[in-house]
Amino acid sequence: MATYEWSFEEKMRFAQMPNSEYGRLLCEQQKVDNSSIFGCILGPDGRGDDNGVVAAGTSRGHVYAWDVATKVQISPAPCDVRQTCKNPKPWDAKVGGIYAMALIPGQTKPVLAVGGDRGVCLAAWEPESWPAPRVHQSPIDDNPDGSRPPPPECNALAVHDARLVCGDGDGAVRRRDVETGKIVETCKAHADMVLALSLAEEAGVVATASEDGDACLVDF
């Protein structure tokens, strides 16, 4: 895939954004991983500072992370102290193309959830040395000829009561246990893929939007 070059008009538009440092950062980075970015998340830096880390997931299945204060890309290679590498390697979430990301509060540290072509990945929030991903796939019925289709992709994520809510490509909304990744509740909300979802936590309701043109309210 050819690298996308920002036009002068695009650079000016980003440079004039509020908090334009972030706009200029986008211009300088140009196209991350020569791919599209569908999901990103802002989380703590693990040192107790107020700065934080922004992580972005690409359509190639890679996760990149930057220090918000320094705007330096963080190496995901294991290390004992914070370091900057000339050529940091991206972390492979093992879910194929990434469509959604969410950060789940944990007892000791948050848990990063990544939704993609091959399901959901869960991993401790450790941007400097990402652990091995735990990939969980949704069940799928065999085709009439007996062949097994690929598992439905996860297109949207949200967090509810220490549970991860996933909007999947088979039109179902599934709630997973964060510790085990197991599905604890399933609702077939749509006839086509779920593309977005939002939570009303106090009401216990999930609003979903789908490729089928419908928006639904799901009671969880």
N, C-alpha and C. Protein backbone atom coordinates (compact mmCIF):
# COMPACT_ATOMS: atom_id res chain seq x y z
N MET A 1 0.85 -1.19 0.00
CA MET A 1 0.00 0.00 0.00
C MET A 1 0.89 1.25 0.00
N ALA A 2 0.58 2.17 -0.87
CA ALA A 2 1.40 3.37 -0.97
C ALA A 2 1.18 4.27 0.24
N THR A 3 2.22 4.97 0.65
CA THR A 3 2.13 5.88 1.78
C THR A 3 1.32 7.12 1.40
N TYR A 4 0.40 7.48 2.26
CA TYR A 4 -0.44 8.65 2.01
C TYR A 4 0.33 9.91 2.36
N GLU A 5 0.30 10.90 1.49
CA GLU A 5 0.95 12.18 1.74
C GLU A 5 -0.11 13.23 2.02
N TRP A 6 0.06 13.93 3.15
CA TRP A 6 -0.88 14.99 3.51
C TRP A 6 -0.75 16.15 2.52
N SER A 7 -1.89 16.68 2.06
CA SER A 7 -1.87 17.86 1.21
C SER A 7 -1.61 19.10 2.06
N PHE A 8 -1.25 20.19 1.40
CA PHE A 8 -1.01 21.45 2.11
C PHE A 8 -2.28 21.90 2.83
N GLU A 9 -3.44 21.73 2.17
CA GLU A 9 -4.70 22.15 2.78
C GLU A 9 -4.99 21.33 4.05
N GLU A 10 -4.70 20.02 4.01
CA GLU A 10 -4.92 19.18 5.18
C GLU A 10 -4.00 19.58 6.33
N LYS A 11 -2.76 19.86 5.99
CA LYS A 11 -1.81 20.27 7.02
C LYS A 11 -2.26 21.57 7.67
N MET A 12 -2.74 22.51 6.88
CA MET A 12 -3.21 23.77 7.44
C MET A 12 -4.45 23.54 8.30
N ARG A 13 -5.34 22.65 7.87
CA ARG A 13 -6.54 22.39 8.65
C ARG A 13 -6.19 21.81 10.02
N PHE A 14 -5.26 20.83 10.04
CA PHE A 14 -4.86 20.25 11.31
C PHE A 14 -4.11 21.27 12.16
N ALA A 15 -3.27 22.07 11.54
CA ALA A 15 -2.47 23.03 12.30
C ALA A 15 -3.34 24.09 12.97
N GLN A 16 -4.55 24.34 12.43
CA GLN A 16 -5.44 25.34 12.98
C GLN A 16 -6.43 24.77 13.99
N MET A 17 -6.31 23.47 14.26
CA MET A 17 -7.20 22.85 15.25
C MET A 17 -6.90 23.39 16.64
N PRO A 18 -7.90 23.40 17.53
CA PRO A 18 -7.60 23.67 18.95
C PRO A 18 -6.61 22.65 19.46
N ASN A 19 -5.75 23.06 20.40
CA ASN A 19 -4.68 22.18 20.87
C ASN A 19 -3.90 21.64 19.67
N SER A 20 -3.45 22.56 18.81
CA SER A 20 -2.92 22.19 17.50
C SER A 20 -1.64 21.38 17.57
N GLU A 21 -1.05 21.24 18.77
CA GLU A 21 0.11 20.35 18.88
C GLU A 21 -0.24 18.96 18.40
N TYR A 22 -1.45 18.50 18.71
CA TYR A 22 -1.86 17.17 18.29
C TYR A 22 -2.09 17.13 16.79
N GLY A 23 -2.60 18.23 16.23
CA GLY A 23 -2.75 18.29 14.79
C GLY A 23 -1.41 18.22 14.08
N ARG A 24 -0.43 18.96 14.61
CA ARG A 24 0.90 18.93 13.99
C ARG A 24 1.54 17.56 14.15
N LEU A 25 1.25 16.89 15.27
CA LEU A 25 1.78 15.55 15.47
C LEU A 25 1.25 14.61 14.39
N LEU A 26 -0.04 14.72 14.07
CA LEU A 26 -0.61 13.90 13.02
C LEU A 26 0.06 14.18 11.69
N CYS A 27 0.32 15.44 11.40
CA CYS A 27 0.96 15.79 10.14
C CYS A 27 2.37 15.21 10.07
N GLU A 28 3.09 15.27 11.18
CA GLU A 28 4.46 14.77 11.19
C GLU A 28 4.48 13.25 11.04
N GLN A 29 3.52 12.56 11.70
CA GLN A 29 3.50 11.10 11.62
C GLN A 29 3.02 10.61 10.26
N GLN A 30 2.23 11.47 9.57
CA GLN A 30 1.60 11.10 8.31
C GLN A 30 0.80 9.81 8.49
N LYS A 31 1.13 8.77 7.79
CA LYS A 31 0.31 7.57 7.80
C LYS A 31 0.97 6.51 8.66
N VAL A 32 0.38 6.18 9.82
CA VAL A 32 0.95 5.18 10.71
C VAL A 32 0.79 3.80 10.09
N ASP A 33 1.88 3.08 9.96
CA ASP A 33 1.86 1.69 9.51
C ASP A 33 1.36 1.55 8.07
N ASN A 34 1.31 2.66 7.30
CA ASN A 34 0.76 2.62 5.95
C ASN A 34 -0.62 1.96 5.92
N SER A 35 -1.44 2.27 6.89
CA SER A 35 -2.75 1.63 7.01
C SER A 35 -3.74 2.61 7.63
N SER A 36 -4.97 2.13 7.82
CA SER A 36 -6.01 2.95 8.44
C SER A 36 -6.04 2.71 9.94
N ILE A 37 -6.52 3.71 10.68
CA ILE A 37 -6.67 3.60 12.12
C ILE A 37 -8.15 3.74 12.46
N PHE A 38 -8.73 2.69 13.05
CA PHE A 38 -10.14 2.70 13.42
C PHE A 38 -10.34 2.85 14.93
N GLY A 39 -9.30 2.59 15.72
CA GLY A 39 -9.46 2.65 17.16
C GLY A 39 -8.26 3.26 17.84
N CYS A 40 -8.50 4.02 18.91
CA CYS A 40 -7.41 4.55 19.72
C CYS A 40 -7.92 4.70 21.14
N ILE A 41 -6.99 4.78 22.08
CA ILE A 41 -7.35 4.86 23.50
C ILE A 41 -6.30 5.69 24.23
N LEU A 42 -6.74 6.41 25.24
CA LEU A 42 -5.83 7.19 26.08
C LEU A 42 -5.79 6.56 27.46
N GLY A 43 -4.59 6.21 27.95
CA GLY A 43 -4.46 5.55 29.23
C GLY A 43 -3.31 6.11 30.05
N PRO A 44 -3.15 5.63 31.27
CA PRO A 44 -2.07 6.12 32.14
C PRO A 44 -0.71 5.66 31.64
N ASP A 45 0.32 6.37 32.08
CA ASP A 45 1.68 6.00 31.65
C ASP A 45 2.33 5.02 32.61
N GLY A 46 1.65 4.67 33.70
CA GLY A 46 2.18 3.67 34.62
C GLY A 46 3.15 4.21 35.64
N ARG A 47 3.45 5.50 35.59
CA ARG A 47 4.42 6.07 36.52
C ARG A 47 3.76 7.02 37.53
N GLY A 48 2.44 7.14 37.45
CA GLY A 48 1.74 8.03 38.36
C GLY A 48 1.75 9.48 37.91
N ASP A 49 2.28 9.75 36.72
CA ASP A 49 2.29 11.12 36.21
C ASP A 49 0.92 11.45 35.62
N ASP A 50 0.73 12.71 35.32
CA ASP A 50 -0.53 13.15 34.73
C ASP A 50 -0.52 13.08 33.22
N ASN A 51 0.61 12.68 32.64
CA ASN A 51 0.76 12.76 31.20
C ASN A 51 -0.08 11.73 30.46
N GLY A 52 0.28 10.48 30.56
CA GLY A 52 -0.49 9.44 29.90
C GLY A 52 0.12 9.00 28.58
N VAL A 53 -0.52 7.98 28.02
CA VAL A 53 -0.08 7.36 26.77
C VAL A 53 -1.29 7.21 25.86
N VAL A 54 -1.11 7.51 24.58
CA VAL A 54 -2.15 7.26 23.61
C VAL A 54 -1.72 6.08 22.74
N ALA A 55 -2.62 5.11 22.58
CA ALA A 55 -2.35 3.93 21.77
C ALA A 55 -3.34 3.88 20.62
N ALA A 56 -2.86 3.51 19.44
CA ALA A 56 -3.71 3.44 18.25
C ALA A 56 -3.56 2.07 17.60
N GLY A 57 -4.68 1.51 17.15
CA GLY A 57 -4.68 0.21 16.49
C GLY A 57 -4.92 0.38 15.00
N THR A 58 -4.13 -0.33 14.19
CA THR A 58 -4.20 -0.15 12.75
C THR A 58 -4.90 -1.32 12.06
N SER A 59 -5.24 -1.11 10.79
CA SER A 59 -5.90 -2.17 10.02
C SER A 59 -4.96 -3.31 9.70
N ARG A 60 -3.68 -3.19 10.01
CA ARG A 60 -2.74 -4.30 9.88
C ARG A 60 -2.64 -5.12 11.16
N GLY A 61 -3.37 -4.72 12.19
CA GLY A 61 -3.36 -5.47 13.43
C GLY A 61 -2.30 -5.06 14.41
N HIS A 62 -1.65 -3.92 14.18
CA HIS A 62 -0.57 -3.46 15.05
C HIS A 62 -1.07 -2.37 15.99
N VAL A 63 -0.48 -2.31 17.17
CA VAL A 63 -0.78 -1.26 18.14
C VAL A 63 0.48 -0.43 18.35
N TYR A 64 0.35 0.87 18.15
CA TYR A 64 1.43 1.82 18.39
C TYR A 64 1.07 2.67 19.61
N ALA A 65 2.08 3.13 20.34
CA ALA A 65 1.83 3.95 21.53
C ALA A 65 2.78 5.13 21.56
N TRP A 66 2.26 6.27 22.01
CA TRP A 66 3.05 7.48 22.13
C TRP A 66 2.89 8.07 23.52
N ASP A 67 3.96 8.65 24.01
CA ASP A 67 3.91 9.42 25.25
C ASP A 67 3.25 10.76 24.94
N VAL A 68 2.18 11.10 25.67
CA VAL A 68 1.44 12.31 25.38
C VAL A 68 2.28 13.56 25.61
N ALA A 69 3.10 13.57 26.66
CA ALA A 69 3.88 14.77 26.99
C ALA A 69 5.01 15.01 26.00
N THR A 70 5.75 13.94 25.68
CA THR A 70 6.92 14.10 24.81
C THR A 70 6.62 13.87 23.34
N LYS A 71 5.45 13.24 23.04
CA LYS A 71 5.06 12.90 21.67
C LYS A 71 6.04 11.93 21.03
N VAL A 72 6.76 11.19 21.86
CA VAL A 72 7.73 10.20 21.38
C VAL A 72 7.06 8.83 21.33
N GLN A 73 7.27 8.12 20.23
CA GLN A 73 6.74 6.76 20.14
C GLN A 73 7.48 5.88 21.12
N ILE A 74 6.72 5.08 21.87
CA ILE A 74 7.28 4.24 22.92
C ILE A 74 7.59 2.86 22.36
N SER A 75 8.74 2.34 22.71
CA SER A 75 9.08 1.00 22.27
C SER A 75 8.27 -0.03 23.04
N PRO A 76 7.62 -0.99 22.33
CA PRO A 76 6.94 -2.06 23.05
C PRO A 76 7.86 -3.21 23.44
N ALA A 77 9.14 -3.14 23.08
CA ALA A 77 10.07 -4.20 23.45
C ALA A 77 10.26 -4.21 24.96
N PRO A 78 10.38 -5.40 25.58
CA PRO A 78 10.58 -5.47 27.03
C PRO A 78 11.79 -4.66 27.47
N CYS A 79 11.61 -3.89 28.53
CA CYS A 79 12.71 -3.10 29.07
C CYS A 79 12.40 -2.78 30.53
N ASP A 80 13.44 -2.49 31.27
CA ASP A 80 13.28 -2.20 32.70
C ASP A 80 13.00 -0.74 32.95
N VAL A 81 13.44 0.12 32.08
CA VAL A 81 13.22 1.55 32.24
C VAL A 81 12.66 2.10 30.94
N ARG A 82 12.05 3.26 31.05
CA ARG A 82 11.47 3.90 29.86
C ARG A 82 12.58 4.22 28.87
N GLN A 83 12.36 3.84 27.61
CA GLN A 83 13.39 4.09 26.62
C GLN A 83 12.74 4.46 25.30
N THR A 84 13.49 5.11 24.46
CA THR A 84 13.05 5.47 23.12
C THR A 84 13.95 4.77 22.12
N CYS A 85 13.35 4.09 21.15
CA CYS A 85 14.12 3.37 20.14
C CYS A 85 13.99 4.09 18.80
N LYS A 86 14.99 3.96 17.97
CA LYS A 86 14.93 4.59 16.66
C LYS A 86 13.89 3.93 15.78
N ASN A 87 13.72 2.64 15.91
CA ASN A 87 12.76 1.92 15.09
C ASN A 87 11.90 1.01 15.98
N PRO A 88 11.00 1.59 16.76
CA PRO A 88 10.17 0.76 17.64
C PRO A 88 9.31 -0.21 16.83
N LYS A 89 9.23 -1.45 17.30
CA LYS A 89 8.40 -2.44 16.62
C LYS A 89 6.99 -2.37 17.18
N PRO A 90 5.98 -2.38 16.32
CA PRO A 90 4.60 -2.35 16.82
C PRO A 90 4.23 -3.67 17.46
N TRP A 91 3.27 -3.60 18.36
CA TRP A 91 2.76 -4.80 19.03
C TRP A 91 1.66 -5.42 18.20
N ASP A 92 1.73 -6.72 17.95
CA ASP A 92 0.73 -7.44 17.18
C ASP A 92 -0.32 -7.99 18.14
N ALA A 93 -1.55 -7.51 18.02
CA ALA A 93 -2.63 -7.94 18.91
C ALA A 93 -3.21 -9.30 18.52
N LYS A 94 -2.79 -9.86 17.38
CA LYS A 94 -3.21 -11.20 16.95
C LYS A 94 -4.70 -11.30 16.62
N VAL A 95 -5.32 -10.18 16.27
CA VAL A 95 -6.74 -10.22 15.90
C VAL A 95 -6.97 -9.77 14.46
N GLY A 96 -5.91 -9.67 13.66
CA GLY A 96 -6.06 -9.14 12.32
C GLY A 96 -6.30 -7.64 12.38
N GLY A 97 -7.01 -7.12 11.38
CA GLY A 97 -7.29 -5.69 11.37
C GLY A 97 -8.04 -5.26 12.62
N ILE A 98 -7.64 -4.13 13.21
CA ILE A 98 -8.21 -3.65 14.46
C ILE A 98 -9.30 -2.61 14.16
N TYR A 99 -10.47 -2.79 14.80
CA TYR A 99 -11.60 -1.89 14.59
C TYR A 99 -12.00 -1.11 15.83
N ALA A 100 -11.63 -1.58 17.01
CA ALA A 100 -12.09 -0.92 18.24
C ALA A 100 -11.10 -1.19 19.36
N MET A 101 -11.04 -0.26 20.32
CA MET A 101 -10.19 -0.41 21.49
C MET A 101 -10.92 0.15 22.70
N ALA A 102 -10.65 -0.44 23.87
CA ALA A 102 -11.26 0.04 25.12
C ALA A 102 -10.29 -0.24 26.26
N LEU A 103 -10.40 0.54 27.30
CA LEU A 103 -9.56 0.37 28.48
C LEU A 103 -10.46 0.03 29.67
N ILE A 104 -10.16 -1.10 30.32
CA ILE A 104 -10.99 -1.60 31.40
C ILE A 104 -10.27 -1.41 32.73
N PRO A 105 -10.87 -0.75 33.72
CA PRO A 105 -10.21 -0.60 35.02
C PRO A 105 -9.89 -1.95 35.64
N GLY A 106 -8.71 -2.06 36.28
CA GLY A 106 -8.31 -3.29 36.94
C GLY A 106 -7.87 -3.03 38.37
N GLN A 107 -7.69 -4.11 39.13
CA GLN A 107 -7.30 -3.95 40.53
C GLN A 107 -5.88 -3.40 40.64
N THR A 108 -4.97 -3.85 39.81
CA THR A 108 -3.58 -3.38 39.87
C THR A 108 -3.25 -2.48 38.69
N LYS A 109 -3.74 -2.81 37.51
CA LYS A 109 -3.52 -1.99 36.33
C LYS A 109 -4.67 -2.22 35.35
N PRO A 110 -4.91 -1.26 34.46
CA PRO A 110 -6.01 -1.45 33.50
C PRO A 110 -5.73 -2.61 32.54
N VAL A 111 -6.79 -3.04 31.88
CA VAL A 111 -6.70 -4.08 30.86
C VAL A 111 -7.08 -3.46 29.52
N LEU A 112 -6.25 -3.68 28.52
CA LEU A 112 -6.52 -3.20 27.17
C LEU A 112 -7.32 -4.25 26.42
N ALA A 113 -8.42 -3.82 25.83
CA ALA A 113 -9.22 -4.69 24.97
C ALA A 113 -9.13 -4.18 23.54
N VAL A 114 -8.88 -5.11 22.62
CA VAL A 114 -8.74 -4.77 21.21
C VAL A 114 -9.67 -5.67 20.41
N GLY A 115 -10.56 -5.07 19.62
CA GLY A 115 -11.46 -5.82 18.78
C GLY A 115 -11.01 -5.78 17.34
N GLY A 116 -11.09 -6.93 16.66
CA GLY A 116 -10.62 -6.98 15.29
C GLY A 116 -11.24 -8.10 14.48
N ASP A 117 -10.62 -8.40 13.36
CA ASP A 117 -11.14 -9.38 12.41
C ASP A 117 -11.31 -10.76 13.02
N ARG A 118 -10.45 -11.13 13.97
CA ARG A 118 -10.47 -12.48 14.50
C ARG A 118 -10.97 -12.54 15.94
N GLY A 119 -11.65 -11.53 16.41
CA GLY A 119 -12.21 -11.57 17.74
C GLY A 119 -11.71 -10.46 18.64
N VAL A 120 -11.54 -10.79 19.92
CA VAL A 120 -11.17 -9.81 20.94
C VAL A 120 -9.86 -10.23 21.59
N CYS A 121 -8.96 -9.27 21.76
CA CYS A 121 -7.70 -9.50 22.46
C CYS A 121 -7.74 -8.76 23.79
N LEU A 122 -7.29 -9.42 24.86
CA LEU A 122 -7.19 -8.80 26.18
C LEU A 122 -5.73 -8.88 26.63
N ALA A 123 -5.23 -7.78 27.17
CA ALA A 123 -3.84 -7.75 27.65
C ALA A 123 -3.71 -6.65 28.68
N ALA A 124 -2.81 -6.86 29.64
CA ALA A 124 -2.55 -5.82 30.64
C ALA A 124 -2.04 -4.56 29.95
N TRP A 125 -2.45 -3.41 30.49
CA TRP A 125 -2.04 -2.12 29.92
C TRP A 125 -0.58 -1.87 30.29
N GLU A 126 0.32 -2.29 29.42
CA GLU A 126 1.76 -2.11 29.61
C GLU A 126 2.38 -1.65 28.29
N PRO A 127 2.20 -0.37 27.94
CA PRO A 127 2.63 0.12 26.63
C PRO A 127 4.11 -0.05 26.35
N GLU A 128 4.93 -0.09 27.40
CA GLU A 128 6.38 -0.19 27.17
C GLU A 128 6.82 -1.63 26.93
N SER A 129 6.04 -2.58 27.36
CA SER A 129 6.41 -3.99 27.19
C SER A 129 5.13 -4.82 27.17
N TRP A 130 4.38 -4.72 26.08
CA TRP A 130 3.10 -5.40 26.00
C TRP A 130 3.25 -6.90 26.28
N PRO A 131 2.38 -7.48 27.08
CA PRO A 131 2.44 -8.93 27.32
C PRO A 131 1.85 -9.69 26.14
N ALA A 132 1.96 -11.00 26.16
CA ALA A 132 1.37 -11.82 25.10
C ALA A 132 -0.15 -11.63 25.09
N PRO A 133 -0.74 -11.41 23.94
CA PRO A 133 -2.19 -11.18 23.89
C PRO A 133 -2.99 -12.45 24.13
N ARG A 134 -4.15 -12.30 24.77
CA ARG A 134 -5.10 -13.40 24.94
C ARG A 134 -6.27 -13.14 23.99
N VAL A 135 -6.36 -13.98 22.96
CA VAL A 135 -7.38 -13.77 21.93
C VAL A 135 -8.58 -14.68 22.19
N HIS A 136 -9.77 -14.10 22.11
CA HIS A 136 -11.01 -14.83 22.35
C HIS A 136 -11.93 -14.63 21.15
N GLN A 137 -12.41 -15.73 20.59
CA GLN A 137 -13.26 -15.67 19.41
C GLN A 137 -14.70 -16.00 19.78
N SER A 138 -15.61 -15.44 19.00
CA SER A 138 -17.04 -15.71 19.21
C SER A 138 -17.42 -16.98 18.45
N PRO A 139 -18.40 -17.72 18.97
CA PRO A 139 -18.81 -18.97 18.30
C PRO A 139 -19.47 -18.69 16.96
N ILE A 140 -19.38 -19.65 16.05
CA ILE A 140 -19.98 -19.51 14.72
C ILE A 140 -20.48 -20.87 14.28
N ASP A 141 -21.63 -20.90 13.62
CA ASP A 141 -22.19 -22.15 13.11
C ASP A 141 -21.51 -22.54 11.80
N ASP A 142 -21.44 -23.84 11.54
CA ASP A 142 -20.87 -24.32 10.29
C ASP A 142 -21.78 -23.94 9.12
N ASN A 143 -21.16 -23.84 7.93
CA ASN A 143 -21.92 -23.62 6.71
C ASN A 143 -22.73 -24.88 6.37
N PRO A 144 -23.75 -24.75 5.52
CA PRO A 144 -24.54 -25.93 5.13
C PRO A 144 -23.70 -27.07 4.55
N ASP A 145 -22.58 -26.73 3.91
CA ASP A 145 -21.74 -27.79 3.34
C ASP A 145 -20.78 -28.39 4.35
N GLY A 146 -20.87 -27.96 5.60
CA GLY A 146 -20.02 -28.52 6.65
C GLY A 146 -18.75 -27.75 6.89
N SER A 147 -18.42 -26.81 6.02
CA SER A 147 -17.21 -26.01 6.22
C SER A 147 -17.43 -25.00 7.33
N ARG A 148 -16.35 -24.58 7.95
CA ARG A 148 -16.46 -23.63 9.07
C ARG A 148 -16.03 -22.25 8.61
N PRO A 149 -16.92 -21.27 8.69
CA PRO A 149 -16.55 -19.90 8.31
C PRO A 149 -15.66 -19.27 9.38
N PRO A 150 -15.02 -18.16 9.05
CA PRO A 150 -14.21 -17.48 10.07
C PRO A 150 -15.10 -16.92 11.17
N PRO A 151 -14.57 -16.76 12.37
CA PRO A 151 -15.37 -16.20 13.47
C PRO A 151 -15.76 -14.76 13.16
N PRO A 152 -16.86 -14.29 13.73
CA PRO A 152 -17.27 -12.91 13.47
C PRO A 152 -16.27 -11.91 14.06
N GLU A 153 -16.07 -10.84 13.34
CA GLU A 153 -15.17 -9.80 13.83
C GLU A 153 -15.84 -9.00 14.93
N CYS A 154 -15.01 -8.33 15.73
CA CYS A 154 -15.51 -7.43 16.77
C CYS A 154 -15.29 -6.00 16.28
N ASN A 155 -16.38 -5.27 16.07
CA ASN A 155 -16.31 -3.93 15.48
C ASN A 155 -16.43 -2.80 16.49
N ALA A 156 -16.96 -3.08 17.68
CA ALA A 156 -17.21 -2.02 18.66
C ALA A 156 -17.05 -2.59 20.06
N LEU A 157 -16.56 -1.76 20.99
CA LEU A 157 -16.31 -2.18 22.37
C LEU A 157 -16.80 -1.11 23.34
N ALA A 158 -17.25 -1.57 24.49
CA ALA A 158 -17.60 -0.66 25.59
C ALA A 158 -17.46 -1.46 26.88
N VAL A 159 -17.35 -0.75 28.00
CA VAL A 159 -17.13 -1.38 29.31
C VAL A 159 -18.33 -1.14 30.20
N HIS A 160 -18.77 -2.22 30.88
CA HIS A 160 -19.94 -2.12 31.76
C HIS A 160 -19.78 -3.09 32.92
N ASP A 161 -19.71 -2.57 34.15
CA ASP A 161 -19.65 -3.40 35.36
C ASP A 161 -18.56 -4.46 35.27
N ALA A 162 -17.34 -4.05 34.96
CA ALA A 162 -16.20 -4.96 34.84
C ALA A 162 -16.44 -6.03 33.78
N ARG A 163 -17.36 -5.77 32.89
CA ARG A 163 -17.61 -6.65 31.76
C ARG A 163 -17.31 -5.87 30.47
N LEU A 164 -16.89 -6.61 29.48
CA LEU A 164 -16.60 -6.02 28.17
C LEU A 164 -17.75 -6.32 27.23
N VAL A 165 -18.36 -5.29 26.68
CA VAL A 165 -19.46 -5.45 25.74
C VAL A 165 -18.91 -5.31 24.32
N CYS A 166 -19.19 -6.32 23.48
CA CYS A 166 -18.65 -6.36 22.13
C CYS A 166 -19.78 -6.34 21.10
N GLY A 167 -19.64 -5.51 20.08
CA GLY A 167 -20.55 -5.51 18.95
C GLY A 167 -19.89 -6.28 17.81
N ASP A 168 -20.47 -7.41 17.43
CA ASP A 168 -19.80 -8.33 16.52
C ASP A 168 -20.37 -8.31 15.10
N GLY A 169 -19.61 -8.93 14.21
CA GLY A 169 -19.95 -8.92 12.79
C GLY A 169 -21.13 -9.78 12.42
N ASP A 170 -21.59 -10.65 13.32
CA ASP A 170 -22.76 -11.47 13.04
C ASP A 170 -24.05 -10.85 13.57
N GLY A 171 -23.98 -9.58 13.98
CA GLY A 171 -25.15 -8.86 14.47
C GLY A 171 -25.43 -9.05 15.94
N ALA A 172 -24.58 -9.78 16.64
CA ALA A 172 -24.80 -10.05 18.06
C ALA A 172 -24.03 -9.06 18.93
N VAL A 173 -24.59 -8.81 20.11
CA VAL A 173 -23.91 -8.05 21.16
C VAL A 173 -23.57 -9.05 22.26
N ARG A 174 -22.30 -9.15 22.60
CA ARG A 174 -21.85 -10.14 23.58
C ARG A 174 -21.15 -9.44 24.73
N ARG A 175 -21.44 -9.92 25.94
CA ARG A 175 -20.75 -9.40 27.12
C ARG A 175 -19.79 -10.46 27.61
N ARG A 176 -18.55 -10.07 27.84
CA ARG A 176 -17.49 -11.01 28.22
C ARG A 176 -16.94 -10.68 29.60
N ASP A 177 -16.55 -11.72 30.30
CA ASP A 177 -15.84 -11.56 31.56
C ASP A 177 -14.41 -11.11 31.25
N VAL A 178 -13.95 -10.05 31.91
CA VAL A 178 -12.63 -9.50 31.60
C VAL A 178 -11.51 -10.45 32.01
N GLU A 179 -11.68 -11.15 33.13
CA GLU A 179 -10.62 -12.01 33.62
C GLU A 179 -10.41 -13.23 32.72
N THR A 180 -11.50 -13.84 32.27
CA THR A 180 -11.41 -15.08 31.50
C THR A 180 -11.63 -14.90 30.01
N GLY A 181 -12.27 -13.79 29.63
CA GLY A 181 -12.62 -13.59 28.23
C GLY A 181 -13.85 -14.36 27.79
N LYS A 182 -14.45 -15.15 28.70
CA LYS A 182 -15.59 -15.97 28.34
C LYS A 182 -16.85 -15.11 28.15
N ILE A 183 -17.69 -15.57 27.24
CA ILE A 183 -18.96 -14.90 26.98
C ILE A 183 -19.94 -15.24 28.09
N VAL A 184 -20.53 -14.22 28.72
CA VAL A 184 -21.48 -14.44 29.81
C VAL A 184 -22.91 -14.08 29.39
N GLU A 185 -23.06 -13.37 28.30
CA GLU A 185 -24.39 -13.00 27.84
C GLU A 185 -24.32 -12.64 26.35
N THR A 186 -25.33 -13.07 25.59
CA THR A 186 -25.39 -12.80 24.16
C THR A 186 -26.78 -12.34 23.78
N CYS A 187 -26.85 -11.32 22.93
CA CYS A 187 -28.13 -10.85 22.40
C CYS A 187 -27.97 -10.66 20.90
N LYS A 188 -28.79 -11.36 20.11
CA LYS A 188 -28.80 -11.19 18.66
C LYS A 188 -29.61 -9.95 18.34
N ALA A 189 -28.91 -8.82 18.17
CA ALA A 189 -29.58 -7.53 18.06
C ALA A 189 -29.88 -7.13 16.62
N HIS A 190 -29.10 -7.63 15.67
CA HIS A 190 -29.22 -7.16 14.29
C HIS A 190 -29.10 -8.30 13.29
N ALA A 191 -29.58 -8.02 12.07
CA ALA A 191 -29.47 -8.98 10.98
C ALA A 191 -28.13 -8.86 10.27
N ASP A 192 -27.41 -7.77 10.52
CA ASP A 192 -26.10 -7.57 9.90
C ASP A 192 -25.13 -7.09 10.97
N MET A 193 -23.91 -6.81 10.58
CA MET A 193 -22.85 -6.51 11.54
C MET A 193 -23.15 -5.28 12.39
N VAL A 194 -22.78 -5.37 13.67
CA VAL A 194 -22.85 -4.22 14.57
C VAL A 194 -21.63 -3.34 14.30
N LEU A 195 -21.86 -2.06 14.11
CA LEU A 195 -20.77 -1.14 13.78
C LEU A 195 -20.40 -0.21 14.92
N ALA A 196 -21.34 0.04 15.83
CA ALA A 196 -21.08 0.96 16.93
C ALA A 196 -22.01 0.63 18.08
N LEU A 197 -21.56 0.95 19.29
CA LEU A 197 -22.42 0.80 20.47
C LEU A 197 -22.04 1.82 21.52
N SER A 198 -23.02 2.12 22.38
CA SER A 198 -22.81 3.08 23.46
C SER A 198 -23.62 2.62 24.66
N LEU A 199 -23.10 2.91 25.86
CA LEU A 199 -23.72 2.43 27.09
C LEU A 199 -24.43 3.55 27.85
N ALA A 200 -25.58 3.21 28.41
CA ALA A 200 -26.22 4.03 29.43
C ALA A 200 -26.14 3.19 30.70
N GLU A 201 -25.07 3.35 31.47
CA GLU A 201 -24.77 2.43 32.56
C GLU A 201 -25.84 2.44 33.65
N GLU A 202 -26.35 3.61 34.00
CA GLU A 202 -27.34 3.66 35.08
C GLU A 202 -28.61 2.91 34.70
N ALA A 203 -28.96 2.94 33.42
CA ALA A 203 -30.17 2.25 32.96
C ALA A 203 -29.88 0.81 32.57
N GLY A 204 -28.60 0.45 32.46
CA GLY A 204 -28.25 -0.90 32.04
C GLY A 204 -28.63 -1.19 30.61
N VAL A 205 -28.55 -0.16 29.75
CA VAL A 205 -28.97 -0.30 28.35
C VAL A 205 -27.79 -0.04 27.43
N VAL A 206 -27.71 -0.84 26.37
CA VAL A 206 -26.70 -0.65 25.33
C VAL A 206 -27.41 -0.22 24.05
N ALA A 207 -26.98 0.90 23.48
CA ALA A 207 -27.51 1.35 22.19
C ALA A 207 -26.56 0.87 21.10
N THR A 208 -27.11 0.26 20.05
CA THR A 208 -26.29 -0.30 18.99
C THR A 208 -26.72 0.25 17.63
N ALA A 209 -25.75 0.32 16.71
CA ALA A 209 -26.01 0.71 15.33
C ALA A 209 -25.41 -0.34 14.42
N SER A 210 -26.10 -0.61 13.30
CA SER A 210 -25.72 -1.75 12.48
C SER A 210 -25.69 -1.41 11.00
N GLU A 211 -25.01 -2.28 10.26
CA GLU A 211 -24.98 -2.20 8.80
C GLU A 211 -26.38 -2.40 8.22
N ASP A 212 -27.28 -3.02 8.97
CA ASP A 212 -28.64 -3.27 8.47
C ASP A 212 -29.51 -2.01 8.48
N GLY A 213 -28.96 -0.89 8.99
CA GLY A 213 -29.70 0.37 8.99
C GLY A 213 -30.52 0.61 10.22
N ASP A 214 -30.46 -0.31 11.19
CA ASP A 214 -31.25 -0.17 12.41
C ASP A 214 -30.38 0.27 13.59
N ALA A 215 -31.00 0.96 14.51
CA ALA A 215 -30.42 1.26 15.82
C ALA A 215 -31.28 0.58 16.87
N CYS A 216 -30.66 -0.12 17.81
CA CYS A 216 -31.41 -0.90 18.79
C CYS A 216 -30.98 -0.53 20.21
N LEU A 217 -31.89 -0.79 21.15
CA LEU A 217 -31.57 -0.69 22.58
C LEU A 217 -31.58 -2.10 23.15
N VAL A 218 -30.48 -2.48 23.76
CA VAL A 218 -30.33 -3.82 24.32
C VAL A 218 -30.25 -3.70 25.82
N ASP A 219 -31.10 -4.42 26.52
CA ASP A 219 -31.13 -4.39 27.99
C ASP A 219 -30.16 -5.44 28.53
N PHE A 220 -29.10 -4.97 29.22
CA PHE A 220 -28.12 -5.88 29.81
C PHE A 220 -28.22 -5.81 31.32
